[in-house]
């Protein structure tokens, strides 16, 4: 708790009005990779508490669309269409597809994480399963030049998932933003342009 309270990104998020410190992870990646273009259609998987959605809505502007989904409730964010539900369920996925209305997506972002058990092997498998579901969604809904940004943990399934990303996208980059804690095994993989 002490680490969280004294975290400079937590303090900065409060001061600047961001939902969470995660906003700075996306901000840094977007500043480097220019993912959030004006007027873009964005899907945010694992959105709560809304830091990424809030940032995305700001950068895509009024002409853009941000669709967010999470198992947990999320306070409304201006310019964001939110669905509460489990991404692993077909009915929830269908609801998201109805909202998309056939639009091709410019960026799918997945910061999904399961409830952590503390057992590394179990947590790693759960995170990678969510990443794989996100990749399947991206394959089905991205426009040809679209991008997929996904949180993964380094571990036993990482190499296989990286291979799947490279088979799906022309370029795959690894990102570890400054706002990601050093001790955290999280990395972000960024796939661009569908093969």
N, C-alpha and C. Protein backbone atom coordinates (compact mmCIF):
# COMPACT_ATOMS: atom_id res chain seq x y z
N UNK A 1 0.83 -1.19 0.00
CA UNK A 1 0.00 0.00 0.00
C UNK A 1 0.88 1.26 0.00
N UNK A 2 1.93 1.22 0.83
CA UNK A 2 2.86 2.36 0.93
C UNK A 2 3.50 2.63 -0.43
N UNK A 3 3.90 1.56 -1.12
CA UNK A 3 4.51 1.71 -2.44
C UNK A 3 3.54 2.39 -3.40
N UNK A 4 2.27 1.98 -3.35
CA UNK A 4 1.25 2.55 -4.23
C UNK A 4 1.05 4.04 -3.95
N UNK A 5 0.92 4.39 -2.68
CA UNK A 5 0.64 5.78 -2.28
C UNK A 5 1.79 6.70 -2.66
N UNK A 6 3.02 6.20 -2.52
CA UNK A 6 4.20 7.05 -2.80
C UNK A 6 4.66 6.96 -4.26
N UNK A 7 4.02 6.11 -5.05
CA UNK A 7 4.39 5.93 -6.45
C UNK A 7 4.23 7.26 -7.19
N UNK A 8 5.29 7.74 -7.88
CA UNK A 8 5.19 9.03 -8.58
C UNK A 8 4.13 9.05 -9.68
N UNK A 9 3.90 7.91 -10.33
CA UNK A 9 2.88 7.85 -11.38
C UNK A 9 1.47 7.89 -10.79
N UNK A 10 1.29 7.31 -9.60
CA UNK A 10 -0.01 7.38 -8.91
C UNK A 10 -0.29 8.82 -8.52
N UNK A 11 0.72 9.49 -7.97
CA UNK A 11 0.57 10.89 -7.56
C UNK A 11 0.29 11.78 -8.76
N UNK A 12 1.01 11.54 -9.85
CA UNK A 12 0.83 12.34 -11.07
C UNK A 12 -0.56 12.11 -11.67
N UNK A 13 -1.04 10.85 -11.65
CA UNK A 13 -2.37 10.53 -12.17
C UNK A 13 -3.44 11.30 -11.39
N UNK A 14 -3.32 11.31 -10.08
CA UNK A 14 -4.28 12.04 -9.24
C UNK A 14 -4.25 13.53 -9.58
N UNK A 15 -3.06 14.07 -9.68
CA UNK A 15 -2.89 15.50 -9.94
C UNK A 15 -3.45 15.91 -11.31
N UNK A 16 -3.24 15.05 -12.32
CA UNK A 16 -3.64 15.38 -13.69
C UNK A 16 -5.04 14.88 -14.05
N UNK A 17 -5.69 14.16 -13.13
CA UNK A 17 -7.07 13.73 -13.37
C UNK A 17 -7.21 12.45 -14.18
N UNK A 18 -6.18 11.59 -14.18
CA UNK A 18 -6.27 10.31 -14.87
C UNK A 18 -6.85 9.27 -13.94
N UNK A 19 -7.56 8.30 -14.50
CA UNK A 19 -8.20 7.24 -13.71
C UNK A 19 -7.20 6.35 -12.98
N UNK A 20 -6.06 6.14 -13.61
CA UNK A 20 -5.06 5.24 -13.02
C UNK A 20 -3.68 5.56 -13.60
N UNK A 21 -2.68 5.02 -12.92
CA UNK A 21 -1.29 5.19 -13.37
C UNK A 21 -1.08 4.51 -14.73
N UNK A 22 -1.95 3.56 -15.09
CA UNK A 22 -1.82 2.85 -16.37
C UNK A 22 -1.91 3.81 -17.56
N UNK A 23 -2.58 4.94 -17.38
CA UNK A 23 -2.67 5.93 -18.47
C UNK A 23 -1.28 6.31 -18.98
N UNK A 24 -0.30 6.36 -18.07
CA UNK A 24 1.05 6.77 -18.47
C UNK A 24 1.76 5.68 -19.27
N UNK A 25 1.38 4.42 -19.04
CA UNK A 25 1.95 3.33 -19.85
C UNK A 25 1.51 3.50 -21.31
N UNK A 26 0.20 3.70 -21.49
CA UNK A 26 -0.33 3.87 -22.84
C UNK A 26 0.20 5.15 -23.48
N UNK A 27 0.28 6.22 -22.69
CA UNK A 27 0.77 7.50 -23.19
C UNK A 27 2.19 7.35 -23.76
N UNK A 28 3.05 6.67 -23.00
CA UNK A 28 4.44 6.50 -23.43
C UNK A 28 4.52 5.65 -24.71
N UNK A 29 3.74 4.57 -24.75
CA UNK A 29 3.74 3.71 -25.93
C UNK A 29 3.19 4.47 -27.14
N UNK A 30 2.11 5.22 -26.93
CA UNK A 30 1.52 5.97 -28.04
C UNK A 30 2.44 7.09 -28.52
N UNK A 31 3.14 7.75 -27.60
CA UNK A 31 4.09 8.80 -27.99
C UNK A 31 5.19 8.22 -28.88
N UNK A 32 5.59 6.98 -28.60
CA UNK A 32 6.65 6.33 -29.38
C UNK A 32 6.12 5.74 -30.69
N UNK A 33 4.92 5.15 -30.64
CA UNK A 33 4.43 4.36 -31.77
C UNK A 33 3.26 4.96 -32.54
N UNK A 34 2.73 6.09 -32.08
CA UNK A 34 1.63 6.80 -32.77
C UNK A 34 0.47 5.86 -33.15
N UNK A 35 -0.13 5.25 -32.14
CA UNK A 35 -1.22 4.29 -32.35
C UNK A 35 -2.59 4.97 -32.38
N UNK A 36 -2.76 6.00 -31.57
CA UNK A 36 -4.07 6.63 -31.37
C UNK A 36 -4.21 7.84 -32.29
N UNK A 37 -4.76 7.59 -33.47
CA UNK A 37 -4.92 8.67 -34.45
C UNK A 37 -6.31 9.29 -34.32
N UNK A 38 -6.43 10.56 -34.67
CA UNK A 38 -7.73 11.24 -34.64
C UNK A 38 -8.74 10.45 -35.46
N UNK A 39 -9.94 10.29 -34.94
CA UNK A 39 -11.00 9.62 -35.67
C UNK A 39 -10.93 8.10 -35.66
N UNK A 40 -9.97 7.54 -34.93
CA UNK A 40 -9.76 6.09 -34.92
C UNK A 40 -10.83 5.36 -34.12
N UNK A 41 -11.08 4.10 -34.47
CA UNK A 41 -11.94 3.20 -33.69
C UNK A 41 -11.01 2.33 -32.84
N UNK A 42 -11.25 2.35 -31.52
CA UNK A 42 -10.39 1.66 -30.56
C UNK A 42 -11.23 0.74 -29.68
N UNK A 43 -10.70 -0.44 -29.40
CA UNK A 43 -11.34 -1.35 -28.45
C UNK A 43 -10.37 -1.56 -27.29
N UNK A 44 -10.87 -1.37 -26.07
CA UNK A 44 -10.08 -1.51 -24.84
C UNK A 44 -10.62 -2.70 -24.05
N UNK A 45 -9.87 -3.80 -24.05
CA UNK A 45 -10.27 -5.01 -23.34
C UNK A 45 -9.60 -5.02 -21.96
N UNK A 46 -10.39 -5.22 -20.92
CA UNK A 46 -9.84 -5.16 -19.56
C UNK A 46 -9.67 -3.71 -19.15
N UNK A 47 -10.72 -2.92 -19.35
CA UNK A 47 -10.63 -1.46 -19.29
C UNK A 47 -10.64 -0.84 -17.88
N UNK A 48 -11.33 -1.46 -16.94
CA UNK A 48 -11.50 -0.85 -15.61
C UNK A 48 -10.15 -0.68 -14.92
N UNK A 49 -9.88 0.46 -14.29
CA UNK A 49 -10.77 1.56 -13.94
C UNK A 49 -10.96 2.63 -15.02
N UNK A 50 -10.26 2.49 -16.16
CA UNK A 50 -10.54 3.39 -17.28
C UNK A 50 -9.41 4.29 -17.71
N UNK A 51 -8.21 4.09 -17.17
CA UNK A 51 -7.08 4.94 -17.54
C UNK A 51 -6.75 4.89 -19.03
N UNK A 52 -6.74 3.68 -19.61
CA UNK A 52 -6.44 3.55 -21.04
C UNK A 52 -7.58 4.12 -21.88
N UNK A 53 -8.82 3.82 -21.50
CA UNK A 53 -9.97 4.33 -22.26
C UNK A 53 -10.00 5.86 -22.24
N UNK A 54 -9.74 6.42 -21.08
CA UNK A 54 -9.73 7.88 -20.91
C UNK A 54 -8.67 8.51 -21.82
N UNK A 55 -7.49 7.92 -21.82
CA UNK A 55 -6.39 8.42 -22.66
C UNK A 55 -6.73 8.27 -24.14
N UNK A 56 -7.26 7.10 -24.50
CA UNK A 56 -7.59 6.83 -25.90
C UNK A 56 -8.66 7.80 -26.40
N UNK A 57 -9.70 8.02 -25.60
CA UNK A 57 -10.79 8.93 -26.00
C UNK A 57 -10.26 10.34 -26.24
N UNK A 58 -9.35 10.75 -25.39
CA UNK A 58 -8.76 12.09 -25.52
C UNK A 58 -7.97 12.21 -26.84
N UNK A 59 -7.21 11.17 -27.16
CA UNK A 59 -6.35 11.24 -28.35
C UNK A 59 -7.08 10.99 -29.66
N UNK A 60 -8.13 10.17 -29.67
CA UNK A 60 -8.85 9.94 -30.94
C UNK A 60 -9.84 11.06 -31.21
N UNK A 61 -10.19 11.83 -30.18
CA UNK A 61 -11.05 13.00 -30.36
C UNK A 61 -12.51 12.65 -30.57
N UNK A 62 -13.31 13.68 -30.78
CA UNK A 62 -14.77 13.52 -30.94
C UNK A 62 -15.14 12.65 -32.13
N UNK A 63 -14.32 12.66 -33.18
CA UNK A 63 -14.60 11.86 -34.37
C UNK A 63 -14.24 10.40 -34.22
N UNK A 64 -13.53 10.07 -33.13
CA UNK A 64 -13.13 8.68 -32.89
C UNK A 64 -14.15 7.96 -32.03
N UNK A 65 -13.97 6.66 -31.91
CA UNK A 65 -14.86 5.84 -31.08
C UNK A 65 -14.01 4.93 -30.20
N UNK A 66 -14.35 4.87 -28.92
CA UNK A 66 -13.68 3.96 -27.99
C UNK A 66 -14.73 3.05 -27.38
N UNK A 67 -14.51 1.75 -27.55
CA UNK A 67 -15.38 0.74 -26.96
C UNK A 67 -14.57 0.01 -25.89
N UNK A 68 -15.10 -0.03 -24.67
CA UNK A 68 -14.38 -0.62 -23.55
C UNK A 68 -15.18 -1.76 -22.95
N UNK A 69 -14.47 -2.76 -22.45
CA UNK A 69 -15.13 -3.92 -21.87
C UNK A 69 -14.34 -4.38 -20.65
N UNK A 70 -15.07 -4.75 -19.61
CA UNK A 70 -14.41 -5.31 -18.42
C UNK A 70 -15.42 -6.10 -17.62
N UNK A 71 -14.90 -7.04 -16.87
CA UNK A 71 -15.71 -7.84 -15.95
C UNK A 71 -16.24 -6.98 -14.81
N UNK A 72 -15.42 -6.02 -14.41
CA UNK A 72 -15.78 -5.12 -13.30
C UNK A 72 -16.47 -3.87 -13.82
N UNK A 73 -17.26 -3.26 -12.95
CA UNK A 73 -17.93 -2.00 -13.31
C UNK A 73 -16.90 -0.90 -13.52
N UNK A 74 -17.27 0.08 -14.34
CA UNK A 74 -16.38 1.22 -14.58
C UNK A 74 -17.22 2.49 -14.58
N UNK A 75 -16.76 3.48 -13.85
CA UNK A 75 -17.43 4.78 -13.87
C UNK A 75 -17.39 5.30 -15.31
N UNK A 76 -18.48 5.93 -15.78
CA UNK A 76 -18.49 6.42 -17.17
C UNK A 76 -17.31 7.35 -17.49
N UNK A 77 -16.81 7.20 -18.71
CA UNK A 77 -15.74 8.04 -19.23
C UNK A 77 -16.30 8.73 -20.47
N UNK A 78 -16.16 10.04 -20.55
CA UNK A 78 -16.67 10.79 -21.70
C UNK A 78 -16.08 10.23 -23.00
N UNK A 79 -16.96 9.93 -23.95
CA UNK A 79 -16.52 9.44 -25.26
C UNK A 79 -16.24 7.95 -25.32
N UNK A 80 -16.59 7.22 -24.24
CA UNK A 80 -16.31 5.78 -24.20
C UNK A 80 -17.61 5.00 -24.03
N UNK A 81 -17.82 4.00 -24.90
CA UNK A 81 -18.97 3.10 -24.81
C UNK A 81 -18.51 1.87 -24.02
N UNK A 82 -19.10 1.65 -22.85
CA UNK A 82 -18.63 0.59 -21.95
C UNK A 82 -19.61 -0.57 -21.85
N UNK A 83 -19.07 -1.78 -21.88
CA UNK A 83 -19.85 -3.00 -21.65
C UNK A 83 -19.24 -3.71 -20.44
N UNK A 84 -20.08 -4.03 -19.45
CA UNK A 84 -19.60 -4.83 -18.33
C UNK A 84 -19.93 -6.28 -18.59
N UNK A 85 -18.92 -7.14 -18.59
CA UNK A 85 -19.14 -8.55 -18.82
C UNK A 85 -17.82 -9.28 -18.97
N UNK A 86 -17.92 -10.59 -19.06
CA UNK A 86 -16.76 -11.46 -19.17
C UNK A 86 -16.44 -11.68 -20.65
N UNK A 87 -15.28 -11.21 -21.07
CA UNK A 87 -14.85 -11.30 -22.47
C UNK A 87 -14.80 -12.74 -22.96
N UNK A 88 -14.67 -13.70 -22.04
CA UNK A 88 -14.59 -15.11 -22.42
C UNK A 88 -15.96 -15.68 -22.81
N UNK A 89 -17.03 -14.94 -22.54
CA UNK A 89 -18.38 -15.44 -22.83
C UNK A 89 -18.85 -14.95 -24.20
N UNK A 90 -19.42 -15.87 -24.98
CA UNK A 90 -19.88 -15.55 -26.33
C UNK A 90 -20.91 -14.41 -26.35
N UNK A 91 -21.82 -14.40 -25.37
CA UNK A 91 -22.88 -13.37 -25.34
C UNK A 91 -22.28 -11.98 -25.16
N UNK A 92 -21.24 -11.87 -24.36
CA UNK A 92 -20.58 -10.57 -24.12
C UNK A 92 -19.82 -10.15 -25.37
N UNK A 93 -19.13 -11.09 -25.98
CA UNK A 93 -18.40 -10.81 -27.22
C UNK A 93 -19.38 -10.36 -28.30
N UNK A 94 -20.52 -11.02 -28.39
CA UNK A 94 -21.55 -10.65 -29.37
C UNK A 94 -22.04 -9.22 -29.12
N UNK A 95 -22.23 -8.87 -27.86
CA UNK A 95 -22.66 -7.51 -27.50
C UNK A 95 -21.65 -6.47 -28.01
N UNK A 96 -20.38 -6.76 -27.85
CA UNK A 96 -19.32 -5.87 -28.33
C UNK A 96 -19.35 -5.78 -29.86
N UNK A 97 -19.53 -6.90 -30.51
CA UNK A 97 -19.58 -6.91 -31.97
C UNK A 97 -20.79 -6.13 -32.50
N UNK A 98 -21.90 -6.21 -31.80
CA UNK A 98 -23.09 -5.42 -32.18
C UNK A 98 -22.78 -3.93 -32.06
N UNK A 99 -22.14 -3.54 -30.96
CA UNK A 99 -21.77 -2.13 -30.78
C UNK A 99 -20.83 -1.66 -31.89
N UNK A 100 -19.90 -2.51 -32.29
CA UNK A 100 -18.96 -2.14 -33.36
C UNK A 100 -19.70 -1.91 -34.68
N UNK A 101 -20.80 -2.60 -34.88
CA UNK A 101 -21.62 -2.39 -36.07
C UNK A 101 -20.89 -2.59 -37.38
N UNK A 102 -19.98 -3.57 -37.42
CA UNK A 102 -19.25 -3.85 -38.66
C UNK A 102 -18.06 -2.95 -38.92
N UNK A 103 -17.81 -1.97 -38.02
CA UNK A 103 -16.65 -1.08 -38.21
C UNK A 103 -15.36 -1.87 -38.01
N UNK A 104 -14.36 -1.57 -38.84
CA UNK A 104 -13.04 -2.15 -38.62
C UNK A 104 -12.32 -1.31 -37.57
N UNK A 105 -11.54 -1.97 -36.75
CA UNK A 105 -10.89 -1.34 -35.61
C UNK A 105 -9.45 -0.98 -35.97
N UNK A 106 -9.04 0.21 -35.56
CA UNK A 106 -7.67 0.64 -35.79
C UNK A 106 -6.70 0.14 -34.74
N UNK A 107 -7.19 0.01 -33.49
CA UNK A 107 -6.35 -0.45 -32.39
C UNK A 107 -7.18 -1.26 -31.41
N UNK A 108 -6.71 -2.47 -31.14
CA UNK A 108 -7.25 -3.28 -30.04
C UNK A 108 -6.19 -3.26 -28.94
N UNK A 109 -6.61 -2.84 -27.75
CA UNK A 109 -5.71 -2.79 -26.60
C UNK A 109 -6.22 -3.81 -25.59
N UNK A 110 -5.32 -4.60 -25.04
CA UNK A 110 -5.72 -5.57 -24.02
C UNK A 110 -4.79 -5.46 -22.82
N UNK A 111 -5.34 -4.92 -21.75
CA UNK A 111 -4.61 -4.85 -20.48
C UNK A 111 -5.27 -5.83 -19.51
N UNK A 112 -5.94 -6.86 -20.08
CA UNK A 112 -6.67 -7.83 -19.26
C UNK A 112 -5.72 -8.60 -18.37
N UNK A 113 -6.17 -8.81 -17.13
CA UNK A 113 -5.44 -9.65 -16.19
C UNK A 113 -6.45 -10.37 -15.31
N UNK A 114 -6.18 -11.64 -15.01
CA UNK A 114 -7.09 -12.38 -14.14
C UNK A 114 -6.86 -11.98 -12.68
N UNK A 115 -7.74 -12.41 -11.81
CA UNK A 115 -7.46 -12.29 -10.38
C UNK A 115 -6.24 -13.16 -10.11
N UNK A 116 -5.22 -12.58 -9.51
CA UNK A 116 -3.97 -13.30 -9.29
C UNK A 116 -4.08 -14.23 -8.08
N UNK A 117 -3.58 -15.45 -8.27
CA UNK A 117 -3.62 -16.45 -7.21
C UNK A 117 -2.34 -16.42 -6.37
N UNK A 118 -1.28 -15.84 -6.94
CA UNK A 118 0.01 -15.87 -6.27
C UNK A 118 0.85 -17.07 -6.68
N UNK A 119 0.25 -17.99 -7.43
CA UNK A 119 0.97 -19.15 -7.96
C UNK A 119 1.40 -18.78 -9.38
N UNK A 120 2.69 -18.52 -9.55
CA UNK A 120 3.20 -17.97 -10.80
C UNK A 120 2.78 -18.74 -12.04
N UNK A 121 2.88 -20.07 -11.98
CA UNK A 121 2.57 -20.90 -13.13
C UNK A 121 1.10 -20.76 -13.52
N UNK A 122 0.23 -20.74 -12.53
CA UNK A 122 -1.22 -20.61 -12.76
C UNK A 122 -1.54 -19.22 -13.31
N UNK A 123 -0.98 -18.19 -12.67
CA UNK A 123 -1.23 -16.81 -13.10
C UNK A 123 -0.73 -16.58 -14.51
N UNK A 124 0.45 -17.11 -14.83
CA UNK A 124 1.03 -16.97 -16.17
C UNK A 124 0.10 -17.59 -17.22
N UNK A 125 -0.41 -18.78 -16.93
CA UNK A 125 -1.31 -19.47 -17.88
C UNK A 125 -2.59 -18.67 -18.08
N UNK A 126 -3.14 -18.11 -17.01
CA UNK A 126 -4.38 -17.34 -17.12
C UNK A 126 -4.18 -16.06 -17.92
N UNK A 127 -3.05 -15.37 -17.69
CA UNK A 127 -2.75 -14.14 -18.43
C UNK A 127 -2.59 -14.46 -19.91
N UNK A 128 -1.88 -15.54 -20.22
CA UNK A 128 -1.65 -15.88 -21.62
C UNK A 128 -2.94 -16.31 -22.31
N UNK A 129 -3.84 -16.97 -21.58
CA UNK A 129 -5.13 -17.34 -22.16
C UNK A 129 -5.90 -16.08 -22.57
N UNK A 130 -5.91 -15.08 -21.70
CA UNK A 130 -6.59 -13.82 -22.03
C UNK A 130 -5.92 -13.12 -23.21
N UNK A 131 -4.59 -13.16 -23.25
CA UNK A 131 -3.85 -12.57 -24.38
C UNK A 131 -4.22 -13.27 -25.68
N UNK A 132 -4.34 -14.59 -25.65
CA UNK A 132 -4.72 -15.35 -26.85
C UNK A 132 -6.13 -14.99 -27.31
N UNK A 133 -7.06 -14.83 -26.38
CA UNK A 133 -8.42 -14.41 -26.73
C UNK A 133 -8.40 -13.02 -27.37
N UNK A 134 -7.58 -12.13 -26.81
CA UNK A 134 -7.45 -10.79 -27.38
C UNK A 134 -6.90 -10.83 -28.79
N UNK A 135 -5.93 -11.71 -29.02
CA UNK A 135 -5.33 -11.86 -30.35
C UNK A 135 -6.37 -12.37 -31.34
N UNK A 136 -7.18 -13.33 -30.94
CA UNK A 136 -8.24 -13.85 -31.82
C UNK A 136 -9.23 -12.73 -32.18
N UNK A 137 -9.59 -11.92 -31.19
CA UNK A 137 -10.50 -10.80 -31.44
C UNK A 137 -9.86 -9.81 -32.43
N UNK A 138 -8.57 -9.50 -32.21
CA UNK A 138 -7.86 -8.57 -33.09
C UNK A 138 -7.83 -9.09 -34.53
N UNK A 139 -7.55 -10.37 -34.71
CA UNK A 139 -7.52 -10.97 -36.05
C UNK A 139 -8.87 -10.78 -36.75
N UNK A 140 -9.94 -10.92 -36.00
CA UNK A 140 -11.28 -10.86 -36.58
C UNK A 140 -11.76 -9.43 -36.86
N UNK A 141 -11.24 -8.44 -36.12
CA UNK A 141 -11.84 -7.10 -36.19
C UNK A 141 -10.92 -5.96 -36.59
N UNK A 142 -9.61 -6.20 -36.65
CA UNK A 142 -8.70 -5.12 -37.05
C UNK A 142 -8.79 -4.83 -38.53
N UNK A 143 -8.61 -3.56 -38.89
CA UNK A 143 -8.43 -3.24 -40.30
C UNK A 143 -7.02 -3.70 -40.69
N UNK A 144 -6.73 -3.87 -41.98
CA UNK A 144 -5.45 -4.44 -42.39
C UNK A 144 -4.22 -3.75 -41.79
N UNK A 145 -4.27 -2.41 -41.67
CA UNK A 145 -3.13 -1.68 -41.12
C UNK A 145 -3.24 -1.48 -39.61
N UNK A 146 -4.17 -2.17 -38.98
CA UNK A 146 -4.43 -1.98 -37.55
C UNK A 146 -3.32 -2.50 -36.65
N UNK A 147 -3.51 -2.26 -35.35
CA UNK A 147 -2.50 -2.66 -34.35
C UNK A 147 -3.17 -3.32 -33.16
N UNK A 148 -2.41 -4.19 -32.51
CA UNK A 148 -2.85 -4.90 -31.31
C UNK A 148 -1.79 -4.72 -30.24
N UNK A 149 -2.18 -4.12 -29.11
CA UNK A 149 -1.28 -3.90 -27.98
C UNK A 149 -1.78 -4.75 -26.83
N UNK A 150 -0.94 -5.65 -26.33
CA UNK A 150 -1.39 -6.62 -25.33
C UNK A 150 -0.38 -6.79 -24.20
N UNK A 151 -0.93 -6.86 -22.98
CA UNK A 151 -0.08 -7.13 -21.82
C UNK A 151 0.16 -8.63 -21.71
N UNK A 152 1.42 -9.00 -21.51
CA UNK A 152 1.78 -10.40 -21.28
C UNK A 152 2.78 -10.44 -20.12
N UNK A 153 2.93 -11.61 -19.54
CA UNK A 153 3.95 -11.83 -18.51
C UNK A 153 5.00 -12.75 -19.09
N UNK A 154 6.25 -12.47 -18.75
CA UNK A 154 7.33 -13.34 -19.19
C UNK A 154 7.23 -14.65 -18.40
N UNK A 155 7.28 -15.74 -19.11
CA UNK A 155 7.17 -17.05 -18.45
C UNK A 155 7.12 -18.14 -19.49
N UNK A 156 6.65 -19.30 -19.09
CA UNK A 156 6.73 -20.49 -19.93
C UNK A 156 5.95 -20.38 -21.25
N UNK A 157 4.83 -19.66 -21.27
CA UNK A 157 4.02 -19.58 -22.49
C UNK A 157 4.39 -18.38 -23.38
N UNK A 158 5.31 -17.57 -22.92
CA UNK A 158 5.64 -16.33 -23.62
C UNK A 158 6.15 -16.57 -25.04
N UNK A 159 7.08 -17.50 -25.21
CA UNK A 159 7.69 -17.74 -26.53
C UNK A 159 6.64 -18.18 -27.55
N UNK A 160 5.72 -19.05 -27.12
CA UNK A 160 4.68 -19.53 -28.03
C UNK A 160 3.74 -18.40 -28.44
N UNK A 161 3.42 -17.53 -27.49
CA UNK A 161 2.52 -16.42 -27.82
C UNK A 161 3.24 -15.41 -28.73
N UNK A 162 4.50 -15.14 -28.47
CA UNK A 162 5.28 -14.24 -29.32
C UNK A 162 5.32 -14.78 -30.76
N UNK A 163 5.48 -16.09 -30.90
CA UNK A 163 5.48 -16.73 -32.21
C UNK A 163 4.12 -16.51 -32.90
N UNK A 164 3.02 -16.67 -32.15
CA UNK A 164 1.68 -16.46 -32.71
C UNK A 164 1.50 -15.01 -33.16
N UNK A 165 2.05 -14.09 -32.39
CA UNK A 165 1.98 -12.66 -32.76
C UNK A 165 2.74 -12.43 -34.07
N UNK A 166 3.93 -13.02 -34.17
CA UNK A 166 4.75 -12.83 -35.37
C UNK A 166 4.13 -13.47 -36.60
N UNK A 167 3.34 -14.52 -36.39
CA UNK A 167 2.63 -15.16 -37.50
C UNK A 167 1.42 -14.33 -37.95
N UNK A 168 0.94 -13.44 -37.06
CA UNK A 168 -0.26 -12.65 -37.33
C UNK A 168 0.07 -11.27 -37.89
N UNK A 169 1.17 -10.66 -37.42
CA UNK A 169 1.50 -9.28 -37.78
C UNK A 169 2.84 -9.17 -38.50
N UNK A 170 2.93 -8.16 -39.36
CA UNK A 170 4.19 -7.92 -40.09
C UNK A 170 5.30 -7.50 -39.14
N UNK A 171 4.96 -6.66 -38.16
CA UNK A 171 5.97 -6.26 -37.17
C UNK A 171 5.43 -6.49 -35.77
N UNK A 172 6.32 -6.94 -34.88
CA UNK A 172 5.97 -7.13 -33.46
C UNK A 172 7.11 -6.51 -32.65
N UNK A 173 6.73 -5.59 -31.75
CA UNK A 173 7.72 -4.92 -30.89
C UNK A 173 7.38 -5.20 -29.43
N UNK A 174 8.40 -5.19 -28.60
CA UNK A 174 8.22 -5.38 -27.16
C UNK A 174 8.36 -4.01 -26.50
N UNK A 175 7.44 -3.68 -25.61
CA UNK A 175 7.47 -2.41 -24.90
C UNK A 175 7.40 -2.65 -23.39
N UNK A 176 8.25 -1.94 -22.65
CA UNK A 176 8.23 -1.97 -21.18
C UNK A 176 8.23 -0.51 -20.75
N UNK A 177 7.03 0.10 -20.63
CA UNK A 177 6.99 1.53 -20.30
C UNK A 177 7.56 1.83 -18.92
N UNK A 178 8.01 3.06 -18.77
CA UNK A 178 8.60 3.52 -17.51
C UNK A 178 7.61 3.36 -16.34
N UNK A 179 6.31 3.56 -16.60
CA UNK A 179 5.30 3.45 -15.55
C UNK A 179 5.03 2.01 -15.12
N UNK A 180 5.59 1.04 -15.85
CA UNK A 180 5.48 -0.37 -15.45
C UNK A 180 6.56 -0.61 -14.39
N UNK A 181 6.14 -1.10 -13.24
CA UNK A 181 7.11 -1.29 -12.15
C UNK A 181 8.21 -2.28 -12.55
N UNK A 182 9.45 -1.96 -12.13
CA UNK A 182 10.62 -2.78 -12.49
C UNK A 182 10.44 -4.24 -12.08
N UNK A 183 9.87 -4.46 -10.88
CA UNK A 183 9.75 -5.83 -10.37
C UNK A 183 8.63 -6.61 -11.06
N UNK A 184 7.79 -5.91 -11.83
CA UNK A 184 6.67 -6.58 -12.50
C UNK A 184 7.17 -7.34 -13.72
N UNK A 185 6.68 -8.60 -13.90
CA UNK A 185 7.08 -9.37 -15.08
C UNK A 185 6.31 -8.96 -16.34
N UNK A 186 5.46 -7.92 -16.23
CA UNK A 186 4.64 -7.54 -17.38
C UNK A 186 5.46 -6.88 -18.47
N UNK A 187 5.08 -7.20 -19.69
CA UNK A 187 5.60 -6.56 -20.90
C UNK A 187 4.40 -6.30 -21.77
N UNK A 188 4.56 -5.40 -22.72
CA UNK A 188 3.50 -5.18 -23.72
C UNK A 188 4.05 -5.54 -25.08
N UNK A 189 3.28 -6.34 -25.80
CA UNK A 189 3.64 -6.68 -27.17
C UNK A 189 2.76 -5.85 -28.09
N UNK A 190 3.38 -5.29 -29.12
CA UNK A 190 2.68 -4.46 -30.08
C UNK A 190 2.82 -5.07 -31.47
N UNK A 191 1.71 -5.57 -31.99
CA UNK A 191 1.69 -6.11 -33.34
C UNK A 191 1.06 -5.10 -34.28
N UNK A 192 1.66 -4.89 -35.45
CA UNK A 192 1.14 -3.92 -36.42
C UNK A 192 1.06 -4.53 -37.81
N UNK A 193 -0.03 -4.22 -38.50
CA UNK A 193 -0.30 -4.62 -39.88
C UNK A 193 -0.47 -6.14 -39.99
N UNK A 194 -1.71 -6.54 -40.21
CA UNK A 194 -2.03 -7.97 -40.32
C UNK A 194 -1.34 -8.59 -41.54
N UNK A 195 -0.87 -9.79 -41.38
CA UNK A 195 -0.27 -10.52 -42.52
C UNK A 195 -1.35 -11.00 -43.46
